[in-house]
Amino acid sequence: MGAEPYWYFVPYESDINSALQKLREREFKAGRYHPALPHLDFPLTASSPSPGARHPSINAARMAAREDGTRSILDIETIGPHSDFGVAGRLDDAELEALYGTTQPTHQMVEDNPDIHEPIERGQAVYVVVYKDGQPVELFFAGYSYD
């Protein structure tokens, strides 16, 4: 099938891993993961399918998805200094400058630039702190499914 991109905006929290875990739990409870849904269309909207969790836990969902992965943020377990399998890493200042021309991108800048997915490997993710008026207001998580 091939890896599929996914992305999410969530409210900013200084504890990035806490924000990631809340996002994972939200998407699990909504059932927005493979195999509960065969395909997710991004960006997610208020009208996106939300069938509810079809597995007893995130780990059970990941096991059921097998080598395909969940095709969602559920495949990302933690935050790290760099992207890795199951790890979301922060883009460094040089990467932010190359993508957005600033180290403090706005929501619109991030939303309008799909190039963020180019350096991401299968099963990995990145995150970006999103700013408004010089203050962090959101986190943006972007990744690729395993398959």
Protein backbone atom coordinates (compact mmCIF):
# COMPACT_ATOMS: atom_id res chain seq x y z
CA MET A 1 0.00 0.00 0.00
CA GLY A 2 2.69 2.54 0.94
CA ALA A 3 3.14 4.91 3.83
CA GLU A 4 0.42 7.48 4.43
CA PRO A 5 0.95 10.95 5.94
CA TYR A 6 -1.00 12.15 8.95
CA TRP A 7 -1.03 15.42 10.88
CA TYR A 8 -2.72 17.11 13.83
CA PHE A 9 -2.87 20.52 15.51
CA VAL A 10 -3.41 20.50 19.29
CA PRO A 11 -3.33 23.25 21.93
CA TYR A 12 0.16 24.13 23.13
CA GLU A 13 1.50 22.58 26.32
CA SER A 14 5.04 23.07 27.58
CA ASP A 15 5.12 19.35 28.36
CA ILE A 16 5.19 18.11 24.76
CA ASN A 17 4.98 14.45 25.74
CA SER A 18 1.84 15.14 27.78
CA ALA A 19 0.26 16.81 24.72
CA LEU A 20 1.25 13.80 22.59
CA GLN A 21 -0.27 11.32 25.03
CA LYS A 22 -3.53 13.32 25.21
CA LEU A 23 -3.68 13.39 21.40
CA ARG A 24 -3.07 9.64 21.21
CA GLU A 25 -5.81 8.98 23.75
CA ARG A 26 -8.24 11.31 21.95
CA GLU A 27 -7.67 9.61 18.59
CA PHE A 28 -7.87 6.14 20.13
CA LYS A 29 -11.19 6.90 21.85
CA ALA A 30 -12.51 8.39 18.60
CA GLY A 31 -11.53 5.21 16.74
CA ARG A 32 -9.56 7.19 14.17
CA TYR A 33 -6.90 4.57 13.50
CA HIS A 34 -6.35 1.48 11.39
CA PRO A 35 -7.87 -1.15 11.66
CA ALA A 36 -10.91 0.57 13.25
CA LEU A 37 -11.10 2.65 10.07
CA PRO A 38 -9.45 1.37 6.89
CA HIS A 39 -8.46 4.88 5.78
CA LEU A 40 -8.26 8.30 7.42
CA ASP A 41 -8.64 11.49 5.43
CA PHE A 42 -6.56 14.41 6.68
CA PRO A 43 -7.03 17.05 7.76
CA LEU A 44 -9.48 15.80 10.34
CA THR A 45 -12.61 17.91 10.71
CA ALA A 46 -15.73 17.95 12.86
CA SER A 47 -17.36 15.70 10.25
CA SER A 48 -14.50 13.16 10.14
CA PRO A 49 -15.61 9.61 11.01
CA SER A 50 -15.39 8.82 14.70
CA PRO A 51 -16.63 5.24 15.25
CA GLY A 52 -15.13 4.90 18.73
CA ALA A 53 -12.35 2.61 19.88
CA ARG A 54 -12.58 -0.92 18.54
CA HIS A 55 -9.85 -2.33 20.79
CA PRO A 56 -9.39 -2.46 24.57
CA SER A 57 -6.19 -0.36 24.51
CA ILE A 58 -3.82 1.56 22.27
CA ASN A 59 -1.36 -1.31 22.49
CA ALA A 60 -4.06 -3.78 21.40
CA ALA A 61 -4.92 -1.53 18.45
CA ARG A 62 -1.25 -1.37 17.47
CA MET A 63 -0.94 -5.15 17.68
CA ALA A 64 -4.07 -5.59 15.53
CA ALA A 65 -2.68 -3.18 12.93
CA ARG A 66 0.43 -5.35 12.64
CA GLU A 67 3.16 -4.21 10.24
CA ASP A 68 0.88 -1.61 8.62
CA GLY A 69 0.73 0.35 11.85
CA THR A 70 -2.33 2.34 12.85
CA ARG A 71 -1.74 4.97 10.15
CA SER A 72 -2.17 7.54 12.90
CA ILE A 73 -0.49 9.22 15.85
CA LEU A 74 -1.07 6.02 17.84
CA ASP A 75 2.13 4.68 16.26
CA ILE A 76 4.15 7.40 18.01
CA GLU A 77 4.87 6.48 21.61
CA THR A 78 7.02 9.34 22.87
CA ILE A 79 8.94 12.55 22.23
CA GLY A 80 12.68 12.52 21.62
CA PRO A 81 15.44 14.86 20.54
CA HIS A 82 15.23 13.41 17.02
CA SER A 83 12.65 11.44 15.07
CA ASP A 84 12.96 7.69 15.24
CA PHE A 85 10.62 4.72 14.97
CA GLY A 86 7.74 5.49 17.29
CA VAL A 87 9.33 8.82 18.30
CA ALA A 88 8.36 12.39 17.42
CA GLY A 89 11.33 14.74 17.26
CA ARG A 90 11.31 18.51 17.17
CA LEU A 91 12.42 20.22 13.99
CA ASP A 92 15.55 22.25 14.69
CA ASP A 93 15.89 25.96 13.93
CA ALA A 94 17.60 25.37 10.57
CA GLU A 95 14.78 23.05 9.46
CA LEU A 96 12.14 25.56 10.59
CA GLU A 97 13.90 28.39 8.73
CA ALA A 98 14.13 26.26 5.58
CA LEU A 99 10.43 25.35 5.70
CA TYR A 100 8.87 28.57 6.97
CA GLY A 101 11.49 31.33 6.85
CA THR A 102 11.20 31.71 10.65
CA THR A 103 11.70 29.76 13.86
CA GLN A 104 8.21 30.81 15.01
CA PRO A 105 5.81 29.62 12.30
CA THR A 106 2.13 30.48 12.48
CA HIS A 107 -0.77 28.07 12.03
CA GLN A 108 -1.32 29.26 8.47
CA MET A 109 2.38 28.83 7.57
CA VAL A 110 2.36 25.25 8.82
CA GLU A 111 -0.99 24.41 7.27
CA ASP A 112 0.04 25.81 3.89
CA ASN A 113 3.35 23.92 3.64
CA PRO A 114 3.10 20.16 2.99
CA ASP A 115 6.89 19.94 2.60
CA ILE A 116 7.16 19.10 6.30
CA HIS A 117 6.50 15.46 5.37
CA GLU A 118 9.46 15.18 2.96
CA PRO A 119 12.17 14.31 5.52
CA ILE A 120 9.97 12.07 7.68
CA GLU A 121 10.65 8.34 7.47
CA ARG A 122 7.99 5.63 7.78
CA GLY A 123 6.90 5.06 11.36
CA GLN A 124 8.33 8.39 12.50
CA ALA A 125 6.97 11.85 13.28
CA VAL A 126 8.03 15.42 13.94
CA TYR A 127 6.47 18.22 15.91
CA VAL A 128 6.51 21.98 15.56
CA VAL A 129 5.63 24.65 18.10
CA VAL A 130 3.15 27.01 16.40
CA TYR A 131 3.09 30.69 17.32
CA LYS A 132 0.70 33.62 17.30
CA ASP A 133 1.93 37.11 18.16
CA GLY A 134 5.25 35.64 19.33
CA GLN A 135 3.65 33.24 21.80
CA PRO A 136 3.33 29.45 21.48
CA VAL A 137 -0.33 28.54 20.94
CA GLU A 138 -0.36 25.12 19.29
CA LEU A 139 1.66 22.02 18.61
CA PHE A 140 1.67 20.44 15.18
CA PHE A 141 2.43 16.73 14.89
CA ALA A 142 3.14 15.22 11.45
CA GLY A 143 4.19 11.71 10.58
CA TYR A 144 4.12 8.79 8.17
CA SER A 145 2.54 5.42 8.75
CA TYR A 146 4.66 2.30 8.66
CA ASP A 147 2.93 1.09 5.52
